[in-house]
Amino acid sequence: MIALARFRLAGYARSHRALQPLIALLPLLAIMYATPVPAGEELGAMADSAGILLPVFAWAARGLLDTEPDEQRMISIVTNRRGELLSGIIAACVFALGLAVIGELALLARLSADPGIGALMVGVCLHLFSVIAGVALGALTSRPILPSPAVSNLVLILGYLAILLVSASGARWLTVPVMSWMKDGHHDVLMGHLPLLAVQSLLWPLLGLAGYAWLRRTRP
């Protein structure tokens, strides 16, 4: 399974598709950090980064899962269905984590003050939550689930917008609480609320990945 994940990651990295989320990420970072982050706004900036980069992670995950030719995927399914499924998710997580590292480094380079180890670890946690949520969204909009590229793009965009809208409403527990990350980060209460936010931030992506696995049982 690990060898298959490495193979899929290498194939994606060699393809032009791997450049697409990176090309989207770099201008986004340039806009977000055109001016330095003021002192005292470190947690808010980290929360904003994690929330805004989620669709980039989803796009990257979907691209990786779509890159594998159908014939190669069928061979992998015949030889090891479970390994084929998990290797794609692992490879997507690894690539998305690489993008998250770039985003975190760009953020740290524009901070006006030392955020402290506590705030730094919270920022890392939020980006991990964002990566997992993005991979789940990308998997659910990948070609094995949604064969039409137009439909896939539309569902990915609408899915992210739905996450933002629901998380900003009174029913924010029904989705990944992206807007709660941002609000709590800017109001300096994020550290106190992190345990509950972590449960919500992990629950829904894991359910999404479970749904992806279930859907893949009935289709190649």
N, C-alpha and C. Protein backbone atom coordinates (compact mmCIF):
# COMPACT_ATOMS: atom_id res chain seq x y z
N MET A 1 0.83 -1.20 0.00
CA MET A 1 0.00 0.00 0.00
C MET A 1 0.86 1.26 0.00
N ILE A 2 1.91 1.27 0.83
CA ILE A 2 2.81 2.42 0.89
C ILE A 2 3.53 2.60 -0.44
N ALA A 3 3.95 1.47 -1.04
CA ALA A 3 4.62 1.55 -2.34
C ALA A 3 3.67 2.10 -3.40
N LEU A 4 2.40 1.71 -3.35
CA LEU A 4 1.42 2.20 -4.31
C LEU A 4 1.15 3.69 -4.08
N ALA A 5 1.11 4.10 -2.82
CA ALA A 5 0.92 5.52 -2.52
C ALA A 5 2.11 6.33 -3.04
N ARG A 6 3.31 5.82 -2.85
CA ARG A 6 4.50 6.51 -3.36
C ARG A 6 4.46 6.59 -4.88
N PHE A 7 4.02 5.52 -5.51
CA PHE A 7 3.92 5.48 -6.97
C PHE A 7 2.92 6.52 -7.48
N ARG A 8 1.77 6.60 -6.83
CA ARG A 8 0.75 7.56 -7.26
C ARG A 8 1.20 8.99 -7.00
N LEU A 9 1.88 9.22 -5.90
CA LEU A 9 2.38 10.56 -5.59
C LEU A 9 3.44 10.98 -6.61
N ALA A 10 4.33 10.05 -6.97
CA ALA A 10 5.36 10.36 -7.95
C ALA A 10 4.74 10.64 -9.31
N GLY A 11 3.74 9.85 -9.70
CA GLY A 11 3.08 10.09 -10.98
C GLY A 11 2.37 11.43 -11.02
N TYR A 12 1.75 11.81 -9.92
CA TYR A 12 1.06 13.10 -9.85
C TYR A 12 2.07 14.25 -9.90
N ALA A 13 3.17 14.09 -9.18
CA ALA A 13 4.19 15.15 -9.15
C ALA A 13 4.80 15.38 -10.53
N ARG A 14 4.89 14.31 -11.33
CA ARG A 14 5.46 14.45 -12.67
C ARG A 14 4.46 15.00 -13.69
N SER A 15 3.20 15.01 -13.35
CA SER A 15 2.19 15.47 -14.29
C SER A 15 1.96 16.98 -14.15
N HIS A 16 1.36 17.57 -15.18
CA HIS A 16 1.06 19.01 -15.13
C HIS A 16 -0.02 19.31 -14.10
N ARG A 17 -0.82 18.33 -13.71
CA ARG A 17 -1.90 18.56 -12.76
C ARG A 17 -1.37 19.01 -11.40
N ALA A 18 -0.17 18.54 -11.03
CA ALA A 18 0.38 18.90 -9.73
C ALA A 18 0.69 20.39 -9.65
N LEU A 19 0.91 21.03 -10.80
CA LEU A 19 1.23 22.45 -10.80
C LEU A 19 -0.01 23.32 -10.59
N GLN A 20 -1.19 22.79 -10.92
CA GLN A 20 -2.39 23.60 -10.86
C GLN A 20 -2.69 24.13 -9.45
N PRO A 21 -2.78 23.27 -8.42
CA PRO A 21 -3.03 23.82 -7.07
C PRO A 21 -1.88 24.68 -6.57
N LEU A 22 -0.66 24.37 -7.00
CA LEU A 22 0.49 25.18 -6.57
C LEU A 22 0.42 26.56 -7.19
N ILE A 23 0.03 26.63 -8.46
CA ILE A 23 -0.12 27.92 -9.13
C ILE A 23 -1.23 28.74 -8.48
N ALA A 24 -2.28 28.06 -8.02
CA ALA A 24 -3.36 28.76 -7.32
C ALA A 24 -2.92 29.21 -5.94
N LEU A 25 -2.09 28.40 -5.29
CA LEU A 25 -1.67 28.70 -3.92
C LEU A 25 -0.76 29.92 -3.85
N LEU A 26 0.20 30.03 -4.73
CA LEU A 26 1.22 31.08 -4.62
C LEU A 26 0.63 32.49 -4.76
N PRO A 27 -0.20 32.77 -5.78
CA PRO A 27 -0.82 34.12 -5.82
C PRO A 27 -1.72 34.39 -4.63
N LEU A 28 -2.40 33.34 -4.14
CA LEU A 28 -3.27 33.51 -2.98
C LEU A 28 -2.45 33.93 -1.76
N LEU A 29 -1.31 33.30 -1.57
CA LEU A 29 -0.44 33.66 -0.45
C LEU A 29 0.11 35.07 -0.62
N ALA A 30 0.43 35.42 -1.87
CA ALA A 30 0.96 36.77 -2.12
C ALA A 30 -0.08 37.84 -1.77
N ILE A 31 -1.34 37.56 -2.05
CA ILE A 31 -2.41 38.51 -1.73
C ILE A 31 -2.65 38.55 -0.22
N MET A 32 -2.70 37.37 0.41
CA MET A 32 -2.98 37.30 1.84
C MET A 32 -1.92 37.99 2.68
N TYR A 33 -0.67 37.87 2.25
CA TYR A 33 0.44 38.39 3.06
C TYR A 33 1.19 39.51 2.35
N ALA A 34 0.43 40.30 1.57
CA ALA A 34 1.04 41.46 0.91
C ALA A 34 1.57 42.45 1.94
N THR A 35 0.93 42.50 3.10
CA THR A 35 1.40 43.33 4.21
C THR A 35 1.66 42.43 5.41
N PRO A 36 2.57 42.80 6.29
CA PRO A 36 2.86 41.96 7.46
C PRO A 36 1.64 41.78 8.37
N VAL A 37 1.58 40.65 9.04
CA VAL A 37 0.51 40.38 10.01
C VAL A 37 0.81 41.17 11.28
N PRO A 38 -0.09 42.03 11.74
CA PRO A 38 0.19 42.85 12.93
C PRO A 38 0.39 41.99 14.18
N ALA A 39 1.16 42.50 15.11
CA ALA A 39 1.37 41.81 16.37
C ALA A 39 0.04 41.62 17.10
N GLY A 40 -0.17 40.45 17.65
CA GLY A 40 -1.42 40.14 18.34
C GLY A 40 -2.46 39.48 17.46
N GLU A 41 -2.22 39.46 16.16
CA GLU A 41 -3.18 38.86 15.22
C GLU A 41 -2.69 37.51 14.69
N GLU A 42 -1.72 36.90 15.38
CA GLU A 42 -1.13 35.68 14.87
C GLU A 42 -2.14 34.53 14.78
N LEU A 43 -2.93 34.32 15.84
CA LEU A 43 -3.90 33.22 15.83
C LEU A 43 -4.97 33.45 14.77
N GLY A 44 -5.44 34.67 14.65
CA GLY A 44 -6.44 34.97 13.63
C GLY A 44 -5.92 34.72 12.23
N ALA A 45 -4.66 35.10 11.99
CA ALA A 45 -4.07 34.90 10.67
C ALA A 45 -3.90 33.41 10.37
N MET A 46 -3.52 32.63 11.37
CA MET A 46 -3.38 31.19 11.18
C MET A 46 -4.72 30.53 10.89
N ALA A 47 -5.75 30.96 11.61
CA ALA A 47 -7.09 30.42 11.38
C ALA A 47 -7.60 30.79 9.99
N ASP A 48 -7.37 32.05 9.60
CA ASP A 48 -7.77 32.48 8.26
C ASP A 48 -7.07 31.65 7.19
N SER A 49 -5.77 31.44 7.38
CA SER A 49 -5.00 30.65 6.41
C SER A 49 -5.55 29.25 6.27
N ALA A 50 -5.82 28.59 7.40
CA ALA A 50 -6.34 27.22 7.35
C ALA A 50 -7.69 27.17 6.64
N GLY A 51 -8.56 28.13 6.91
CA GLY A 51 -9.87 28.13 6.29
C GLY A 51 -9.83 28.46 4.81
N ILE A 52 -9.00 29.41 4.42
CA ILE A 52 -8.95 29.85 3.03
C ILE A 52 -8.27 28.82 2.14
N LEU A 53 -7.31 28.08 2.69
CA LEU A 53 -6.57 27.11 1.87
C LEU A 53 -7.29 25.78 1.71
N LEU A 54 -8.39 25.58 2.42
CA LEU A 54 -9.10 24.30 2.34
C LEU A 54 -9.47 23.91 0.91
N PRO A 55 -10.04 24.80 0.08
CA PRO A 55 -10.37 24.39 -1.29
C PRO A 55 -9.13 24.08 -2.13
N VAL A 56 -7.99 24.70 -1.82
CA VAL A 56 -6.76 24.37 -2.53
C VAL A 56 -6.35 22.93 -2.23
N PHE A 57 -6.47 22.54 -0.96
CA PHE A 57 -6.16 21.15 -0.59
C PHE A 57 -7.14 20.19 -1.27
N ALA A 58 -8.41 20.59 -1.35
CA ALA A 58 -9.41 19.74 -2.01
C ALA A 58 -9.09 19.58 -3.49
N TRP A 59 -8.72 20.67 -4.11
CA TRP A 59 -8.37 20.64 -5.54
C TRP A 59 -7.17 19.73 -5.77
N ALA A 60 -6.17 19.84 -4.91
CA ALA A 60 -4.98 19.01 -5.04
C ALA A 60 -5.32 17.52 -4.86
N ALA A 61 -6.14 17.22 -3.87
CA ALA A 61 -6.51 15.82 -3.62
C ALA A 61 -7.31 15.26 -4.79
N ARG A 62 -8.25 16.04 -5.29
CA ARG A 62 -9.03 15.56 -6.43
C ARG A 62 -8.15 15.34 -7.65
N GLY A 63 -7.22 16.26 -7.88
CA GLY A 63 -6.32 16.12 -9.02
C GLY A 63 -5.47 14.87 -8.93
N LEU A 64 -4.97 14.58 -7.73
CA LEU A 64 -4.16 13.37 -7.56
C LEU A 64 -4.98 12.12 -7.81
N LEU A 65 -6.19 12.06 -7.27
CA LEU A 65 -7.04 10.88 -7.45
C LEU A 65 -7.51 10.74 -8.89
N ASP A 66 -7.59 11.85 -9.62
CA ASP A 66 -8.04 11.80 -11.02
C ASP A 66 -6.91 11.47 -11.98
N THR A 67 -5.66 11.64 -11.55
CA THR A 67 -4.53 11.48 -12.46
C THR A 67 -4.33 10.04 -12.90
N GLU A 68 -4.57 9.10 -12.01
CA GLU A 68 -4.34 7.69 -12.33
C GLU A 68 -5.25 7.25 -13.47
N PRO A 69 -4.71 6.66 -14.54
CA PRO A 69 -5.55 6.16 -15.64
C PRO A 69 -6.53 5.10 -15.15
N ASP A 70 -7.69 5.04 -15.80
CA ASP A 70 -8.72 4.09 -15.39
C ASP A 70 -8.22 2.65 -15.45
N GLU A 71 -7.44 2.33 -16.49
CA GLU A 71 -6.95 0.96 -16.63
C GLU A 71 -6.02 0.59 -15.48
N GLN A 72 -5.16 1.53 -15.10
CA GLN A 72 -4.24 1.27 -13.99
C GLN A 72 -5.00 1.12 -12.68
N ARG A 73 -6.03 1.94 -12.50
CA ARG A 73 -6.83 1.85 -11.28
C ARG A 73 -7.54 0.50 -11.21
N MET A 74 -8.03 0.01 -12.35
CA MET A 74 -8.71 -1.28 -12.37
C MET A 74 -7.75 -2.41 -12.00
N ILE A 75 -6.51 -2.33 -12.49
CA ILE A 75 -5.52 -3.35 -12.13
C ILE A 75 -5.24 -3.32 -10.63
N SER A 76 -5.11 -2.12 -10.07
CA SER A 76 -4.87 -2.00 -8.63
C SER A 76 -6.04 -2.53 -7.82
N ILE A 77 -7.27 -2.28 -8.31
CA ILE A 77 -8.46 -2.76 -7.60
C ILE A 77 -8.50 -4.28 -7.60
N VAL A 78 -8.18 -4.89 -8.74
CA VAL A 78 -8.22 -6.35 -8.85
C VAL A 78 -7.19 -6.98 -7.92
N THR A 79 -6.00 -6.38 -7.86
CA THR A 79 -4.93 -6.97 -7.04
C THR A 79 -5.09 -6.66 -5.56
N ASN A 80 -5.55 -5.46 -5.25
CA ASN A 80 -5.65 -5.07 -3.83
C ASN A 80 -6.60 -3.88 -3.72
N ARG A 81 -7.90 -4.14 -3.62
CA ARG A 81 -8.90 -3.07 -3.60
C ARG A 81 -8.69 -2.13 -2.41
N ARG A 82 -8.50 -2.71 -1.23
CA ARG A 82 -8.33 -1.86 -0.04
C ARG A 82 -7.07 -1.02 -0.14
N GLY A 83 -5.99 -1.64 -0.63
CA GLY A 83 -4.74 -0.90 -0.78
C GLY A 83 -4.86 0.21 -1.80
N GLU A 84 -5.61 -0.02 -2.88
CA GLU A 84 -5.80 1.00 -3.90
C GLU A 84 -6.54 2.20 -3.32
N LEU A 85 -7.53 1.93 -2.50
CA LEU A 85 -8.32 3.00 -1.90
C LEU A 85 -7.50 3.81 -0.91
N LEU A 86 -6.82 3.12 0.00
CA LEU A 86 -6.07 3.81 1.04
C LEU A 86 -4.84 4.52 0.48
N SER A 87 -4.21 3.93 -0.53
CA SER A 87 -3.01 4.55 -1.10
C SER A 87 -3.33 5.90 -1.71
N GLY A 88 -4.50 6.02 -2.35
CA GLY A 88 -4.89 7.31 -2.92
C GLY A 88 -5.11 8.36 -1.85
N ILE A 89 -5.77 7.97 -0.76
CA ILE A 89 -6.01 8.92 0.33
C ILE A 89 -4.69 9.33 0.97
N ILE A 90 -3.80 8.37 1.21
CA ILE A 90 -2.50 8.68 1.81
C ILE A 90 -1.70 9.63 0.92
N ALA A 91 -1.65 9.32 -0.37
CA ALA A 91 -0.89 10.16 -1.30
C ALA A 91 -1.48 11.57 -1.36
N ALA A 92 -2.81 11.67 -1.35
CA ALA A 92 -3.46 12.98 -1.38
C ALA A 92 -3.14 13.77 -0.12
N CYS A 93 -3.15 13.10 1.04
CA CYS A 93 -2.81 13.78 2.30
C CYS A 93 -1.38 14.28 2.30
N VAL A 94 -0.47 13.47 1.77
CA VAL A 94 0.95 13.87 1.74
C VAL A 94 1.14 15.10 0.88
N PHE A 95 0.54 15.11 -0.31
CA PHE A 95 0.69 16.26 -1.20
C PHE A 95 0.05 17.51 -0.60
N ALA A 96 -1.14 17.35 -0.03
CA ALA A 96 -1.81 18.49 0.59
C ALA A 96 -1.01 19.02 1.78
N LEU A 97 -0.38 18.13 2.53
CA LEU A 97 0.46 18.57 3.64
C LEU A 97 1.64 19.39 3.14
N GLY A 98 2.18 19.02 1.99
CA GLY A 98 3.26 19.82 1.42
C GLY A 98 2.79 21.22 1.10
N LEU A 99 1.60 21.36 0.55
CA LEU A 99 1.04 22.68 0.28
C LEU A 99 0.79 23.45 1.58
N ALA A 100 0.34 22.73 2.62
CA ALA A 100 0.10 23.37 3.92
C ALA A 100 1.40 23.90 4.51
N VAL A 101 2.49 23.16 4.35
CA VAL A 101 3.79 23.62 4.84
C VAL A 101 4.20 24.91 4.15
N ILE A 102 3.99 24.97 2.83
CA ILE A 102 4.30 26.21 2.10
C ILE A 102 3.48 27.37 2.64
N GLY A 103 2.19 27.12 2.87
CA GLY A 103 1.33 28.16 3.41
C GLY A 103 1.76 28.61 4.79
N GLU A 104 2.12 27.65 5.66
CA GLU A 104 2.56 27.99 7.01
C GLU A 104 3.87 28.78 6.98
N LEU A 105 4.80 28.40 6.14
CA LEU A 105 6.08 29.11 6.06
C LEU A 105 5.88 30.53 5.56
N ALA A 106 4.99 30.71 4.58
CA ALA A 106 4.70 32.06 4.09
C ALA A 106 4.08 32.91 5.20
N LEU A 107 3.20 32.30 5.98
CA LEU A 107 2.58 33.03 7.10
C LEU A 107 3.61 33.43 8.14
N LEU A 108 4.46 32.49 8.54
CA LEU A 108 5.46 32.77 9.56
C LEU A 108 6.43 33.86 9.12
N ALA A 109 6.71 33.90 7.81
CA ALA A 109 7.64 34.90 7.29
C ALA A 109 7.06 36.31 7.36
N ARG A 110 5.73 36.43 7.47
CA ARG A 110 5.09 37.75 7.46
C ARG A 110 4.57 38.16 8.83
N LEU A 111 4.86 37.39 9.87
CA LEU A 111 4.45 37.78 11.22
C LEU A 111 5.33 38.90 11.75
N SER A 112 4.71 39.84 12.42
CA SER A 112 5.46 40.97 12.98
C SER A 112 6.03 40.66 14.35
N ALA A 113 5.52 39.61 15.00
CA ALA A 113 5.98 39.24 16.34
C ALA A 113 6.04 37.73 16.45
N ASP A 114 6.78 37.27 17.44
CA ASP A 114 6.88 35.84 17.71
C ASP A 114 5.55 35.33 18.23
N PRO A 115 4.92 34.33 17.56
CA PRO A 115 3.60 33.88 18.01
C PRO A 115 3.64 33.03 19.27
N GLY A 116 4.79 32.47 19.61
CA GLY A 116 4.87 31.57 20.76
C GLY A 116 4.57 30.15 20.34
N ILE A 117 5.10 29.21 21.07
CA ILE A 117 4.97 27.81 20.69
C ILE A 117 3.51 27.35 20.76
N GLY A 118 2.75 27.87 21.73
CA GLY A 118 1.35 27.47 21.86
C GLY A 118 0.54 27.87 20.65
N ALA A 119 0.64 29.12 20.24
CA ALA A 119 -0.09 29.60 19.07
C ALA A 119 0.38 28.89 17.81
N LEU A 120 1.67 28.63 17.74
CA LEU A 120 2.22 27.94 16.57
C LEU A 120 1.63 26.54 16.44
N MET A 121 1.52 25.83 17.55
CA MET A 121 0.97 24.47 17.51
C MET A 121 -0.51 24.48 17.17
N VAL A 122 -1.23 25.50 17.65
CA VAL A 122 -2.64 25.63 17.28
C VAL A 122 -2.77 25.84 15.77
N GLY A 123 -1.90 26.69 15.22
CA GLY A 123 -1.92 26.91 13.78
C GLY A 123 -1.63 25.64 13.00
N VAL A 124 -0.68 24.85 13.48
CA VAL A 124 -0.38 23.57 12.82
C VAL A 124 -1.59 22.65 12.87
N CYS A 125 -2.25 22.59 14.03
CA CYS A 125 -3.45 21.74 14.17
C CYS A 125 -4.54 22.18 13.20
N LEU A 126 -4.77 23.47 13.09
CA LEU A 126 -5.82 23.96 12.20
C LEU A 126 -5.52 23.61 10.74
N HIS A 127 -4.27 23.71 10.36
CA HIS A 127 -3.92 23.35 8.98
C HIS A 127 -4.04 21.85 8.76
N LEU A 128 -3.77 21.04 9.78
CA LEU A 128 -3.99 19.60 9.65
C LEU A 128 -5.48 19.30 9.48
N PHE A 129 -6.32 19.98 10.27
CA PHE A 129 -7.77 19.81 10.11
C PHE A 129 -8.20 20.21 8.70
N SER A 130 -7.64 21.30 8.21
CA SER A 130 -7.99 21.79 6.88
C SER A 130 -7.56 20.80 5.81
N VAL A 131 -6.38 20.20 5.97
CA VAL A 131 -5.90 19.21 5.01
C VAL A 131 -6.84 18.01 4.97
N ILE A 132 -7.22 17.50 6.13
CA ILE A 132 -8.10 16.32 6.18
C ILE A 132 -9.46 16.64 5.57
N ALA A 133 -10.00 17.81 5.90
CA ALA A 133 -11.29 18.21 5.32
C ALA A 133 -11.17 18.40 3.81
N GLY A 134 -10.07 19.01 3.37
CA GLY A 134 -9.87 19.21 1.93
C GLY A 134 -9.73 17.89 1.19
N VAL A 135 -9.00 16.95 1.77
CA VAL A 135 -8.84 15.64 1.12
C VAL A 135 -10.19 14.93 1.03
N ALA A 136 -10.99 15.02 2.07
CA ALA A 136 -12.32 14.39 2.04
C ALA A 136 -13.18 15.01 0.94
N LEU A 137 -13.18 16.35 0.86
CA LEU A 137 -13.97 17.02 -0.17
C LEU A 137 -13.44 16.67 -1.56
N GLY A 138 -12.12 16.65 -1.70
CA GLY A 138 -11.54 16.30 -3.00
C GLY A 138 -11.85 14.88 -3.41
N ALA A 139 -11.82 13.95 -2.44
CA ALA A 139 -12.12 12.54 -2.75
C ALA A 139 -13.56 12.38 -3.19
N LEU A 140 -14.48 13.07 -2.52
CA LEU A 140 -15.90 12.94 -2.85
C LEU A 140 -16.24 13.58 -4.19
N THR A 141 -15.35 14.42 -4.72
CA THR A 141 -15.60 15.04 -6.03
C THR A 141 -14.65 14.49 -7.09
N SER A 142 -13.93 13.41 -6.79
CA SER A 142 -12.99 12.84 -7.74
C SER A 142 -13.71 12.04 -8.83
N ARG A 143 -12.98 11.69 -9.88
CA ARG A 143 -13.58 11.05 -11.05
C ARG A 143 -14.29 9.73 -10.76
N PRO A 144 -13.77 8.88 -9.87
CA PRO A 144 -14.51 7.65 -9.58
C PRO A 144 -15.91 7.89 -9.00
N ILE A 145 -16.13 9.05 -8.39
CA ILE A 145 -17.43 9.37 -7.81
C ILE A 145 -18.25 10.24 -8.75
N LEU A 146 -17.62 11.28 -9.30
CA LEU A 146 -18.29 12.20 -10.23
C LEU A 146 -17.50 12.23 -11.54
N PRO A 147 -17.89 11.43 -12.51
CA PRO A 147 -17.10 11.33 -13.76
C PRO A 147 -17.03 12.62 -14.56
N SER A 148 -18.05 13.47 -14.45
CA SER A 148 -18.07 14.70 -15.24
C SER A 148 -17.19 15.77 -14.60
N PRO A 149 -16.17 16.29 -15.32
CA PRO A 149 -15.33 17.35 -14.75
C PRO A 149 -16.12 18.61 -14.38
N ALA A 150 -17.11 18.96 -15.20
CA ALA A 150 -17.90 20.16 -14.91
C ALA A 150 -18.68 20.00 -13.62
N VAL A 151 -19.33 18.85 -13.47
CA VAL A 151 -20.09 18.59 -12.25
C VAL A 151 -19.16 18.53 -11.05
N SER A 152 -18.00 17.91 -11.24
CA SER A 152 -17.03 17.79 -10.14
C SER A 152 -16.58 19.16 -9.66
N ASN A 153 -16.24 20.05 -10.60
CA ASN A 153 -15.81 21.40 -10.22
C ASN A 153 -16.92 22.14 -9.49
N LEU A 154 -18.14 22.02 -9.99
CA LEU A 154 -19.27 22.72 -9.39
C LEU A 154 -19.53 22.22 -7.97
N VAL A 155 -19.49 20.89 -7.79
CA VAL A 155 -19.76 20.32 -6.47
C VAL A 155 -18.65 20.71 -5.48
N LEU A 156 -17.40 20.75 -5.95
CA LEU A 156 -16.30 21.13 -5.06
C LEU A 156 -16.49 22.57 -4.58
N ILE A 157 -16.81 23.48 -5.51
CA ILE A 157 -16.99 24.88 -5.13
C ILE A 157 -18.19 25.05 -4.21
N LEU A 158 -19.30 24.42 -4.60
CA LEU A 158 -20.51 24.54 -3.77
C LEU A 158 -20.32 23.86 -2.42
N GLY A 159 -19.56 22.77 -2.39
CA GLY A 159 -19.30 22.10 -1.12
C GLY A 159 -18.53 22.99 -0.16
N TYR A 160 -17.52 23.70 -0.68
CA TYR A 160 -16.76 24.62 0.17
C TYR A 160 -17.63 25.78 0.64
N LEU A 161 -18.43 26.33 -0.27
CA LEU A 161 -19.32 27.43 0.13
C LEU A 161 -20.33 26.96 1.17
N ALA A 162 -20.82 25.73 1.02
CA ALA A 162 -21.77 25.20 2.00
C ALA A 162 -21.11 25.07 3.37
N ILE A 163 -19.85 24.64 3.39
CA ILE A 163 -19.11 24.54 4.66
C ILE A 163 -19.03 25.91 5.33
N LEU A 164 -18.71 26.93 4.53
CA LEU A 164 -18.61 28.28 5.09
C LEU A 164 -19.95 28.77 5.61
N LEU A 165 -21.00 28.57 4.83
CA LEU A 165 -22.32 29.08 5.22
C LEU A 165 -22.86 28.36 6.45
N VAL A 166 -22.75 27.04 6.48
CA VAL A 166 -23.27 26.29 7.62
C VAL A 166 -22.46 26.57 8.87
N SER A 167 -21.13 26.67 8.72
CA SER A 167 -20.29 26.92 9.89
C SER A 167 -20.46 28.32 10.44
N ALA A 168 -21.02 29.23 9.64
CA ALA A 168 -21.30 30.59 10.11
C ALA A 168 -22.69 30.71 10.72
N SER A 169 -23.49 29.65 10.61
CA SER A 169 -24.87 29.69 11.11
C SER A 169 -24.96 29.08 12.50
N GLY A 170 -26.17 29.02 13.01
CA GLY A 170 -26.38 28.41 14.32
C GLY A 170 -26.22 26.90 14.30
N ALA A 171 -26.17 26.31 13.11
CA ALA A 171 -26.02 24.86 12.98
C ALA A 171 -24.58 24.50 12.59
N ARG A 172 -23.61 25.24 13.12
CA ARG A 172 -22.22 25.04 12.72
C ARG A 172 -21.68 23.67 13.11
N TRP A 173 -22.36 22.98 14.04
CA TRP A 173 -21.93 21.64 14.43
C TRP A 173 -22.23 20.61 13.35
N LEU A 174 -22.95 21.03 12.29
CA LEU A 174 -23.28 20.10 11.21
C LEU A 174 -22.20 20.01 10.15
N THR A 175 -21.10 20.72 10.33
CA THR A 175 -20.04 20.69 9.33
C THR A 175 -18.71 21.01 9.99
N VAL A 176 -17.66 21.05 9.19
CA VAL A 176 -16.35 21.47 9.68
C VAL A 176 -16.44 22.95 10.08
N PRO A 177 -16.12 23.31 11.32
CA PRO A 177 -16.38 24.67 11.81
C PRO A 177 -15.34 25.70 11.35
N VAL A 178 -15.22 25.87 10.04
CA VAL A 178 -14.20 26.76 9.49
C VAL A 178 -14.39 28.19 9.98
N MET A 179 -15.62 28.70 9.94
CA MET A 179 -15.85 30.07 10.37
C MET A 179 -15.63 30.23 11.87
N SER A 180 -15.85 29.17 12.64
CA SER A 180 -15.56 29.22 14.07
C SER A 180 -14.06 29.31 14.32
N TRP A 181 -13.27 28.62 13.49
CA TRP A 181 -11.80 28.77 13.60
C TRP A 181 -11.45 30.26 13.51
N MET A 182 -11.96 30.88 12.46
CA MET A 182 -11.59 32.27 12.18
C MET A 182 -12.09 33.21 13.27
N LYS A 183 -13.37 33.06 13.64
CA LYS A 183 -13.95 33.96 14.64
C LYS A 183 -13.23 33.82 15.98
N ASP A 184 -13.03 32.58 16.43
CA ASP A 184 -12.36 32.36 17.71
C ASP A 184 -10.91 32.80 17.67
N GLY A 185 -10.27 32.64 16.51
CA GLY A 185 -8.88 33.08 16.39
C GLY A 185 -8.74 34.58 16.54
N HIS A 186 -9.66 35.32 15.95
CA HIS A 186 -9.59 36.79 16.03
C HIS A 186 -10.08 37.33 17.36
N HIS A 187 -10.80 36.50 18.13
CA HIS A 187 -11.27 36.94 19.45
C HIS A 187 -10.44 36.34 20.59
N ASP A 188 -9.32 35.71 20.23
CA ASP A 188 -8.38 35.16 21.22
C ASP A 188 -9.01 34.14 22.17
N VAL A 189 -9.96 33.36 21.67
CA VAL A 189 -10.56 32.30 22.49
C VAL A 189 -10.36 30.94 21.83
N LEU A 190 -9.54 30.90 20.79
CA LEU A 190 -9.37 29.68 20.01
C LEU A 190 -8.75 28.56 20.84
N MET A 191 -7.75 28.88 21.67
CA MET A 191 -7.09 27.83 22.44
C MET A 191 -8.06 27.16 23.42
N GLY A 192 -8.94 27.94 24.02
CA GLY A 192 -9.89 27.36 24.96
C GLY A 192 -10.95 26.51 24.28
N HIS A 193 -11.31 26.86 23.05
CA HIS A 193 -12.34 26.13 22.32
C HIS A 193 -11.78 25.02 21.44
N LEU A 194 -10.46 24.89 21.40
CA LEU A 194 -9.83 23.96 20.45
C LEU A 194 -10.28 22.51 20.63
N PRO A 195 -10.41 21.97 21.86
CA PRO A 195 -10.82 20.55 21.97
C PRO A 195 -12.15 20.26 21.28
N LEU A 196 -13.16 21.09 21.51
CA LEU A 196 -14.46 20.87 20.86
C LEU A 196 -14.36 21.08 19.36
N LEU A 197 -13.64 22.10 18.95
CA LEU A 197 -13.47 22.35 17.52
C LEU A 197 -12.73 21.19 16.85
N ALA A 198 -11.79 20.59 17.57
CA ALA A 198 -11.05 19.46 17.00
C ALA A 198 -11.96 18.27 16.73
N VAL A 199 -12.88 18.01 17.67
CA VAL A 199 -13.83 16.90 17.48
C VAL A 199 -14.68 17.14 16.24
N GLN A 200 -15.22 18.35 16.12
CA GLN A 200 -16.05 18.68 14.95
C GLN A 200 -15.23 18.68 13.67
N SER A 201 -14.00 19.17 13.75
CA SER A 201 -13.16 19.30 12.56
C SER A 201 -12.70 17.95 12.03
N LEU A 202 -12.64 16.95 12.89
CA LEU A 202 -12.22 15.62 12.46
C LEU A 202 -13.41 14.71 12.15
N LEU A 203 -14.53 14.90 12.86
CA LEU A 203 -15.67 14.02 12.70
C LEU A 203 -16.21 14.03 11.28
N TRP A 204 -16.50 15.21 10.76
CA TRP A 204 -17.15 15.29 9.45
C TRP A 204 -16.24 14.85 8.31
N PRO A 205 -14.96 15.23 8.27
CA PRO A 205 -14.09 14.69 7.22
C PRO A 205 -13.94 13.17 7.27
N LEU A 206 -13.86 12.61 8.49
CA LEU A 206 -13.77 11.15 8.60
C LEU A 206 -15.04 10.49 8.09
N LEU A 207 -16.20 11.09 8.38
CA LEU A 207 -17.45 10.57 7.83
C LEU A 207 -17.46 10.70 6.30
N GLY A 208 -16.91 11.80 5.81
CA GLY A 208 -16.83 11.98 4.37
C GLY A 208 -15.95 10.94 3.71
N LEU A 209 -14.81 10.63 4.32
CA LEU A 209 -13.92 9.61 3.78
C LEU A 209 -14.56 8.23 3.87
N ALA A 210 -15.32 7.99 4.93
CA ALA A 210 -16.04 6.72 5.04
C ALA A 210 -17.09 6.62 3.93
N GLY A 211 -17.77 7.74 3.64
CA GLY A 211 -18.72 7.76 2.54
C GLY A 211 -18.04 7.52 1.20
N TYR A 212 -16.86 8.08 1.02
CA TYR A 212 -16.10 7.85 -0.21
C TYR A 212 -15.75 6.37 -0.35
N ALA A 213 -15.30 5.75 0.74
CA ALA A 213 -14.96 4.33 0.70
C ALA A 213 -16.20 3.49 0.37
N TRP A 214 -17.34 3.85 0.94
CA TRP A 214 -18.57 3.10 0.68
C TRP A 214 -19.00 3.25 -0.77
N LEU A 215 -18.90 4.47 -1.33
CA LEU A 215 -19.27 4.68 -2.72
C LEU A 215 -18.33 3.93 -3.67
N ARG A 216 -17.06 3.84 -3.30
CA ARG A 216 -16.10 3.15 -4.15
C ARG A 216 -16.34 1.64 -4.15
N ARG A 217 -17.07 1.12 -3.18
CA ARG A 217 -17.37 -0.32 -3.16
C ARG A 217 -18.23 -0.72 -4.36
N THR A 218 -19.04 0.19 -4.85
CA THR A 218 -19.99 -0.14 -5.91
C THR A 218 -19.58 0.37 -7.28
N ARG A 219 -18.40 0.99 -7.35
CA ARG A 219 -17.95 1.50 -8.64
C ARG A 219 -16.43 1.44 -8.70
N PRO A 220 -15.83 1.37 -9.88
CA PRO A 220 -14.38 1.27 -10.01
C PRO A 220 -13.69 2.56 -9.63
